[in-house]
Amino acid sequence: MKDVVDLIARMCLSAIFIFESFTSIKFISRTKETMTQYGFTWNQEFLLYATLIALTVGSIFLLIGYRTTFAVFLLLLYWIPVTFTVYSFWNDPANVRNIHSIIFMKNIAIIGGLLLVLIHDTGRYSIRRLVGMTKLPKEKW
């Protein structure tokens, strides 16, 4: 049961990042405008494509359970700065402070979920475990 819950948790976490990656690619011009609005103007093309690569690779690796430490590192490298920059509710006007504080706390919970994956690694249902269990036949000379 624990391994099934582990798989479902990784699926839920990776779905957030897959969706984020997909929408950033689909609405790339709007993504650039949003980056400019929040002050991410330094080498914007590089930041955008590096972000897309980190989100895509990290979310797929997390989903399949392959190199989860690397996947969590990539996702946190993106998620933490975005959370503190975009949803800094303490600096927001009163009319959006409540919703931004809720989204901020949701993002903190996602960071906690990623840290749990980092600490506990993957369960039985992962590519890493599947590859580790597969043994090649010995060669005969």
N, C-alpha and C. Protein backbone atom coordinates (compact mmCIF):
# COMPACT_ATOMS: atom_id res chain seq x y z
N MET A 1 0.82 -1.20 0.00
CA MET A 1 0.00 0.00 0.00
C MET A 1 0.86 1.26 0.00
N LYS A 2 1.96 1.23 0.77
CA LYS A 2 2.85 2.39 0.86
C LYS A 2 3.43 2.74 -0.50
N ASP A 3 3.78 1.71 -1.29
CA ASP A 3 4.37 1.95 -2.60
C ASP A 3 3.36 2.54 -3.57
N VAL A 4 2.11 2.13 -3.47
CA VAL A 4 1.06 2.69 -4.33
C VAL A 4 0.83 4.16 -3.99
N VAL A 5 0.79 4.48 -2.70
CA VAL A 5 0.61 5.87 -2.27
C VAL A 5 1.81 6.71 -2.71
N ASP A 6 3.00 6.14 -2.64
CA ASP A 6 4.20 6.84 -3.10
C ASP A 6 4.08 7.18 -4.58
N LEU A 7 3.62 6.23 -5.38
CA LEU A 7 3.45 6.47 -6.81
C LEU A 7 2.40 7.54 -7.07
N ILE A 8 1.28 7.47 -6.37
CA ILE A 8 0.23 8.48 -6.54
C ILE A 8 0.74 9.86 -6.13
N ALA A 9 1.50 9.95 -5.06
CA ALA A 9 2.06 11.23 -4.61
C ALA A 9 3.01 11.80 -5.66
N ARG A 10 3.87 10.96 -6.23
CA ARG A 10 4.77 11.44 -7.27
C ARG A 10 4.01 11.87 -8.51
N MET A 11 2.93 11.16 -8.83
CA MET A 11 2.11 11.55 -9.98
C MET A 11 1.46 12.92 -9.74
N CYS A 12 0.95 13.14 -8.55
CA CYS A 12 0.32 14.42 -8.23
C CYS A 12 1.33 15.57 -8.25
N LEU A 13 2.48 15.35 -7.65
CA LEU A 13 3.51 16.39 -7.64
C LEU A 13 4.01 16.69 -9.05
N SER A 14 4.28 15.66 -9.81
CA SER A 14 4.81 15.90 -11.16
C SER A 14 3.77 16.53 -12.08
N ALA A 15 2.48 16.27 -11.84
CA ALA A 15 1.43 16.85 -12.67
C ALA A 15 1.45 18.37 -12.60
N ILE A 16 1.73 18.91 -11.43
CA ILE A 16 1.80 20.36 -11.27
C ILE A 16 2.88 20.94 -12.16
N PHE A 17 4.05 20.31 -12.16
CA PHE A 17 5.18 20.83 -12.92
C PHE A 17 5.04 20.56 -14.42
N ILE A 18 4.44 19.44 -14.79
CA ILE A 18 4.18 19.17 -16.21
C ILE A 18 3.21 20.21 -16.75
N PHE A 19 2.16 20.51 -15.99
CA PHE A 19 1.20 21.53 -16.41
C PHE A 19 1.86 22.90 -16.52
N GLU A 20 2.69 23.23 -15.55
CA GLU A 20 3.42 24.52 -15.57
C GLU A 20 4.30 24.61 -16.81
N SER A 21 5.00 23.53 -17.12
CA SER A 21 5.86 23.51 -18.30
C SER A 21 5.04 23.63 -19.58
N PHE A 22 3.96 22.89 -19.66
CA PHE A 22 3.11 22.92 -20.85
C PHE A 22 2.52 24.31 -21.08
N THR A 23 1.98 24.93 -20.05
CA THR A 23 1.39 26.25 -20.23
C THR A 23 2.44 27.32 -20.52
N SER A 24 3.64 27.16 -19.96
CA SER A 24 4.70 28.12 -20.26
C SER A 24 5.12 28.04 -21.72
N ILE A 25 5.12 26.84 -22.27
CA ILE A 25 5.47 26.67 -23.68
C ILE A 25 4.32 27.14 -24.58
N LYS A 26 3.10 26.77 -24.23
CA LYS A 26 1.94 27.11 -25.05
C LYS A 26 1.73 28.62 -25.13
N PHE A 27 1.92 29.30 -24.01
CA PHE A 27 1.73 30.75 -23.95
C PHE A 27 3.08 31.43 -23.71
N ILE A 28 4.03 31.16 -24.58
CA ILE A 28 5.41 31.60 -24.35
C ILE A 28 5.53 33.13 -24.37
N SER A 29 4.77 33.81 -25.21
CA SER A 29 4.86 35.28 -25.24
C SER A 29 4.30 35.86 -23.95
N ARG A 30 3.22 35.29 -23.44
CA ARG A 30 2.66 35.75 -22.16
C ARG A 30 3.62 35.44 -21.01
N THR A 31 4.30 34.31 -21.11
CA THR A 31 5.29 33.96 -20.08
C THR A 31 6.42 34.98 -20.06
N LYS A 32 6.88 35.41 -21.22
CA LYS A 32 7.93 36.43 -21.29
C LYS A 32 7.45 37.76 -20.69
N GLU A 33 6.20 38.12 -20.98
CA GLU A 33 5.64 39.35 -20.41
C GLU A 33 5.56 39.26 -18.89
N THR A 34 5.16 38.12 -18.39
CA THR A 34 5.08 37.93 -16.94
C THR A 34 6.47 37.99 -16.32
N MET A 35 7.45 37.41 -16.99
CA MET A 35 8.82 37.48 -16.48
C MET A 35 9.29 38.93 -16.40
N THR A 36 8.99 39.71 -17.41
CA THR A 36 9.36 41.13 -17.41
C THR A 36 8.65 41.87 -16.29
N GLN A 37 7.37 41.57 -16.10
CA GLN A 37 6.58 42.21 -15.05
C GLN A 37 7.18 41.98 -13.66
N TYR A 38 7.75 40.79 -13.43
CA TYR A 38 8.32 40.48 -12.12
C TYR A 38 9.82 40.74 -12.04
N GLY A 39 10.39 41.35 -13.07
CA GLY A 39 11.77 41.78 -13.00
C GLY A 39 12.79 40.78 -13.49
N PHE A 40 12.35 39.71 -14.13
CA PHE A 40 13.29 38.73 -14.68
C PHE A 40 13.65 39.16 -16.10
N THR A 41 14.51 40.16 -16.21
CA THR A 41 14.86 40.71 -17.52
C THR A 41 16.27 40.33 -17.95
N TRP A 42 17.10 39.92 -17.03
CA TRP A 42 18.47 39.55 -17.37
C TRP A 42 18.45 38.27 -18.19
N ASN A 43 18.96 38.33 -19.41
CA ASN A 43 19.08 37.18 -20.30
C ASN A 43 17.79 36.34 -20.29
N GLN A 44 16.72 36.98 -20.65
CA GLN A 44 15.38 36.39 -20.51
C GLN A 44 15.20 35.11 -21.32
N GLU A 45 15.75 35.06 -22.51
CA GLU A 45 15.63 33.84 -23.32
C GLU A 45 16.30 32.66 -22.63
N PHE A 46 17.49 32.88 -22.13
CA PHE A 46 18.21 31.81 -21.41
C PHE A 46 17.42 31.35 -20.19
N LEU A 47 16.94 32.30 -19.39
CA LEU A 47 16.17 31.93 -18.20
C LEU A 47 14.92 31.14 -18.56
N LEU A 48 14.24 31.57 -19.61
CA LEU A 48 13.01 30.90 -20.01
C LEU A 48 13.28 29.47 -20.46
N TYR A 49 14.25 29.29 -21.33
CA TYR A 49 14.51 27.93 -21.85
C TYR A 49 15.15 27.04 -20.79
N ALA A 50 15.98 27.60 -19.93
CA ALA A 50 16.53 26.81 -18.83
C ALA A 50 15.43 26.37 -17.88
N THR A 51 14.48 27.25 -17.63
CA THR A 51 13.33 26.92 -16.79
C THR A 51 12.50 25.82 -17.41
N LEU A 52 12.23 25.93 -18.70
CA LEU A 52 11.43 24.91 -19.39
C LEU A 52 12.12 23.55 -19.36
N ILE A 53 13.42 23.54 -19.56
CA ILE A 53 14.17 22.28 -19.50
C ILE A 53 14.13 21.70 -18.09
N ALA A 54 14.36 22.55 -17.09
CA ALA A 54 14.35 22.08 -15.70
C ALA A 54 12.97 21.54 -15.32
N LEU A 55 11.91 22.24 -15.69
CA LEU A 55 10.56 21.78 -15.37
C LEU A 55 10.23 20.47 -16.08
N THR A 56 10.55 20.39 -17.35
CA THR A 56 10.21 19.19 -18.12
C THR A 56 11.00 17.98 -17.65
N VAL A 57 12.31 18.12 -17.57
CA VAL A 57 13.15 17.00 -17.14
C VAL A 57 12.84 16.61 -15.70
N GLY A 58 12.75 17.60 -14.83
CA GLY A 58 12.48 17.32 -13.43
C GLY A 58 11.14 16.64 -13.21
N SER A 59 10.11 17.10 -13.89
CA SER A 59 8.78 16.50 -13.69
C SER A 59 8.70 15.10 -14.27
N ILE A 60 9.31 14.86 -15.41
CA ILE A 60 9.29 13.51 -15.99
C ILE A 60 10.10 12.55 -15.14
N PHE A 61 11.29 12.97 -14.70
CA PHE A 61 12.10 12.11 -13.84
C PHE A 61 11.37 11.82 -12.52
N LEU A 62 10.71 12.81 -11.97
CA LEU A 62 9.96 12.60 -10.74
C LEU A 62 8.81 11.62 -10.98
N LEU A 63 8.12 11.77 -12.08
CA LEU A 63 7.00 10.89 -12.39
C LEU A 63 7.42 9.44 -12.54
N ILE A 64 8.49 9.19 -13.27
CA ILE A 64 8.91 7.81 -13.51
C ILE A 64 9.79 7.26 -12.39
N GLY A 65 10.21 8.12 -11.49
CA GLY A 65 11.02 7.66 -10.37
C GLY A 65 12.46 7.40 -10.74
N TYR A 66 13.01 8.20 -11.62
CA TYR A 66 14.38 8.04 -12.06
C TYR A 66 15.19 9.25 -11.64
N ARG A 67 16.29 9.03 -10.95
CA ARG A 67 17.15 10.10 -10.46
C ARG A 67 16.34 11.20 -9.76
N THR A 68 15.62 10.79 -8.74
CA THR A 68 14.71 11.71 -8.07
C THR A 68 15.45 12.83 -7.33
N THR A 69 16.64 12.59 -6.85
CA THR A 69 17.40 13.65 -6.20
C THR A 69 17.68 14.78 -7.19
N PHE A 70 18.10 14.42 -8.38
CA PHE A 70 18.35 15.39 -9.44
C PHE A 70 17.06 16.10 -9.84
N ALA A 71 15.98 15.33 -9.96
CA ALA A 71 14.68 15.89 -10.34
C ALA A 71 14.20 16.90 -9.31
N VAL A 72 14.29 16.54 -8.04
CA VAL A 72 13.86 17.46 -6.97
C VAL A 72 14.73 18.71 -6.96
N PHE A 73 16.02 18.55 -7.17
CA PHE A 73 16.92 19.70 -7.23
C PHE A 73 16.50 20.66 -8.35
N LEU A 74 16.23 20.12 -9.54
CA LEU A 74 15.80 20.97 -10.66
C LEU A 74 14.49 21.69 -10.36
N LEU A 75 13.55 20.97 -9.79
CA LEU A 75 12.24 21.56 -9.52
C LEU A 75 12.32 22.61 -8.42
N LEU A 76 13.11 22.35 -7.38
CA LEU A 76 13.26 23.33 -6.30
C LEU A 76 14.03 24.56 -6.77
N LEU A 77 14.97 24.34 -7.67
CA LEU A 77 15.74 25.46 -8.24
C LEU A 77 14.81 26.46 -8.93
N TYR A 78 13.73 25.99 -9.48
CA TYR A 78 12.74 26.85 -10.11
C TYR A 78 11.67 27.31 -9.11
N TRP A 79 11.13 26.39 -8.33
CA TRP A 79 9.93 26.63 -7.53
C TRP A 79 10.17 27.61 -6.38
N ILE A 80 11.29 27.51 -5.70
CA ILE A 80 11.54 28.38 -4.54
C ILE A 80 11.65 29.85 -4.94
N PRO A 81 12.50 30.21 -5.91
CA PRO A 81 12.56 31.63 -6.28
C PRO A 81 11.24 32.18 -6.83
N VAL A 82 10.53 31.38 -7.61
CA VAL A 82 9.25 31.83 -8.15
C VAL A 82 8.25 32.06 -7.03
N THR A 83 8.21 31.16 -6.07
CA THR A 83 7.28 31.30 -4.95
C THR A 83 7.53 32.59 -4.18
N PHE A 84 8.78 32.87 -3.86
CA PHE A 84 9.09 34.06 -3.06
C PHE A 84 9.05 35.35 -3.87
N THR A 85 9.15 35.26 -5.19
CA THR A 85 9.11 36.46 -6.02
C THR A 85 7.68 36.80 -6.45
N VAL A 86 6.97 35.83 -6.98
CA VAL A 86 5.65 36.08 -7.54
C VAL A 86 4.59 36.20 -6.45
N TYR A 87 4.69 35.40 -5.41
CA TYR A 87 3.64 35.38 -4.39
C TYR A 87 4.11 35.98 -3.07
N SER A 88 4.85 37.07 -3.15
CA SER A 88 5.30 37.76 -1.94
C SER A 88 4.13 38.58 -1.39
N PHE A 89 3.23 37.88 -0.74
CA PHE A 89 1.98 38.49 -0.29
C PHE A 89 2.19 39.62 0.71
N TRP A 90 3.31 39.62 1.42
CA TRP A 90 3.59 40.66 2.39
C TRP A 90 3.83 42.01 1.73
N ASN A 91 4.13 42.02 0.42
CA ASN A 91 4.33 43.26 -0.32
C ASN A 91 3.13 43.64 -1.18
N ASP A 92 2.13 42.79 -1.24
CA ASP A 92 1.00 42.98 -2.14
C ASP A 92 -0.05 43.93 -1.56
N PRO A 93 -0.84 44.54 -2.45
CA PRO A 93 -1.96 45.35 -1.97
C PRO A 93 -2.99 44.47 -1.28
N ALA A 94 -3.83 45.08 -0.47
CA ALA A 94 -4.78 44.34 0.36
C ALA A 94 -5.77 43.50 -0.46
N ASN A 95 -6.11 43.95 -1.66
CA ASN A 95 -7.11 43.22 -2.44
C ASN A 95 -6.62 41.88 -2.98
N VAL A 96 -5.31 41.66 -3.11
CA VAL A 96 -4.79 40.37 -3.57
C VAL A 96 -3.97 39.65 -2.50
N ARG A 97 -3.81 40.26 -1.36
CA ARG A 97 -2.97 39.67 -0.30
C ARG A 97 -3.48 38.30 0.14
N ASN A 98 -4.78 38.14 0.28
CA ASN A 98 -5.32 36.88 0.78
C ASN A 98 -5.09 35.74 -0.21
N ILE A 99 -5.41 35.95 -1.49
CA ILE A 99 -5.23 34.89 -2.47
C ILE A 99 -3.76 34.57 -2.67
N HIS A 100 -2.90 35.57 -2.66
CA HIS A 100 -1.47 35.32 -2.81
C HIS A 100 -0.90 34.60 -1.59
N SER A 101 -1.43 34.88 -0.42
CA SER A 101 -0.94 34.15 0.77
C SER A 101 -1.37 32.68 0.70
N ILE A 102 -2.56 32.41 0.17
CA ILE A 102 -3.01 31.02 0.02
C ILE A 102 -2.13 30.29 -1.00
N ILE A 103 -1.87 30.93 -2.14
CA ILE A 103 -1.02 30.30 -3.17
C ILE A 103 0.40 30.12 -2.65
N PHE A 104 0.90 31.11 -1.90
CA PHE A 104 2.23 31.00 -1.31
C PHE A 104 2.32 29.77 -0.40
N MET A 105 1.32 29.59 0.47
CA MET A 105 1.33 28.44 1.39
C MET A 105 1.17 27.12 0.63
N LYS A 106 0.41 27.12 -0.46
CA LYS A 106 0.30 25.92 -1.30
C LYS A 106 1.65 25.58 -1.89
N ASN A 107 2.36 26.58 -2.36
CA ASN A 107 3.70 26.34 -2.92
C ASN A 107 4.67 25.85 -1.85
N ILE A 108 4.55 26.36 -0.65
CA ILE A 108 5.40 25.87 0.45
C ILE A 108 5.08 24.40 0.72
N ALA A 109 3.80 24.01 0.65
CA ALA A 109 3.42 22.61 0.84
C ALA A 109 4.00 21.74 -0.27
N ILE A 110 4.03 22.24 -1.50
CA ILE A 110 4.63 21.50 -2.61
C ILE A 110 6.12 21.33 -2.38
N ILE A 111 6.78 22.37 -1.88
CA ILE A 111 8.20 22.26 -1.54
C ILE A 111 8.40 21.18 -0.49
N GLY A 112 7.51 21.13 0.50
CA GLY A 112 7.58 20.08 1.51
C GLY A 112 7.41 18.70 0.92
N GLY A 113 6.50 18.56 -0.03
CA GLY A 113 6.33 17.27 -0.71
C GLY A 113 7.56 16.86 -1.48
N LEU A 114 8.18 17.82 -2.15
CA LEU A 114 9.42 17.52 -2.88
C LEU A 114 10.54 17.11 -1.92
N LEU A 115 10.61 17.78 -0.78
CA LEU A 115 11.63 17.41 0.20
C LEU A 115 11.39 16.01 0.77
N LEU A 116 10.12 15.64 0.92
CA LEU A 116 9.82 14.27 1.36
C LEU A 116 10.26 13.24 0.33
N VAL A 117 10.06 13.53 -0.94
CA VAL A 117 10.54 12.64 -2.00
C VAL A 117 12.06 12.56 -1.95
N LEU A 118 12.71 13.69 -1.70
CA LEU A 118 14.16 13.73 -1.61
C LEU A 118 14.67 12.84 -0.47
N ILE A 119 14.01 12.89 0.66
CA ILE A 119 14.46 12.14 1.84
C ILE A 119 14.12 10.65 1.72
N HIS A 120 12.89 10.34 1.30
CA HIS A 120 12.43 8.96 1.31
C HIS A 120 12.65 8.22 -0.01
N ASP A 121 13.03 8.93 -1.06
CA ASP A 121 13.28 8.34 -2.36
C ASP A 121 12.01 7.69 -2.92
N THR A 122 12.14 6.86 -3.90
CA THR A 122 10.98 6.26 -4.55
C THR A 122 10.66 4.91 -3.93
N GLY A 123 9.47 4.46 -4.16
CA GLY A 123 9.05 3.16 -3.67
C GLY A 123 9.31 2.08 -4.71
N ARG A 124 8.50 1.06 -4.65
CA ARG A 124 8.67 -0.09 -5.53
C ARG A 124 8.39 0.26 -6.99
N TYR A 125 7.46 1.17 -7.24
CA TYR A 125 7.03 1.47 -8.60
C TYR A 125 7.82 2.65 -9.15
N SER A 126 9.03 2.36 -9.60
CA SER A 126 9.88 3.40 -10.19
C SER A 126 10.81 2.75 -11.21
N ILE A 127 11.26 3.56 -12.13
CA ILE A 127 12.20 3.07 -13.14
C ILE A 127 13.51 2.65 -12.48
N ARG A 128 13.95 3.41 -11.49
CA ARG A 128 15.20 3.08 -10.80
C ARG A 128 15.14 1.69 -10.20
N ARG A 129 14.05 1.39 -9.57
CA ARG A 129 13.89 0.07 -8.95
C ARG A 129 13.77 -1.02 -10.01
N LEU A 130 13.05 -0.72 -11.10
CA LEU A 130 12.88 -1.69 -12.18
C LEU A 130 14.22 -2.02 -12.82
N VAL A 131 15.02 -1.00 -13.09
CA VAL A 131 16.33 -1.21 -13.70
C VAL A 131 17.26 -1.94 -12.73
N GLY A 132 17.16 -1.61 -11.45
CA GLY A 132 18.01 -2.26 -10.44
C GLY A 132 17.68 -3.72 -10.25
N MET A 133 16.43 -4.10 -10.52
CA MET A 133 16.02 -5.49 -10.34
C MET A 133 16.30 -6.34 -11.57
N THR A 134 16.47 -5.70 -12.73
CA THR A 134 16.72 -6.43 -13.96
C THR A 134 18.18 -6.85 -14.00
N LYS A 135 18.38 -8.14 -14.20
CA LYS A 135 19.76 -8.65 -14.30
C LYS A 135 19.96 -9.26 -15.67
N LEU A 136 21.07 -8.92 -16.26
CA LEU A 136 21.41 -9.46 -17.55
C LEU A 136 22.00 -10.85 -17.38
N PRO A 137 21.77 -11.72 -18.34
CA PRO A 137 22.38 -13.05 -18.24
C PRO A 137 23.90 -12.96 -18.37
N LYS A 138 24.56 -13.85 -17.67
CA LYS A 138 26.03 -13.86 -17.71
C LYS A 138 26.49 -14.42 -19.05
N GLU A 139 27.56 -13.83 -19.53
CA GLU A 139 28.12 -14.29 -20.79
C GLU A 139 28.96 -15.52 -20.53
N LYS A 140 28.91 -16.45 -21.46
CA LYS A 140 29.73 -17.66 -21.36
C LYS A 140 30.88 -17.53 -22.36
N TRP A 141 32.02 -17.83 -21.89
CA TRP A 141 33.21 -17.75 -22.75
C TRP A 141 33.55 -19.08 -23.27
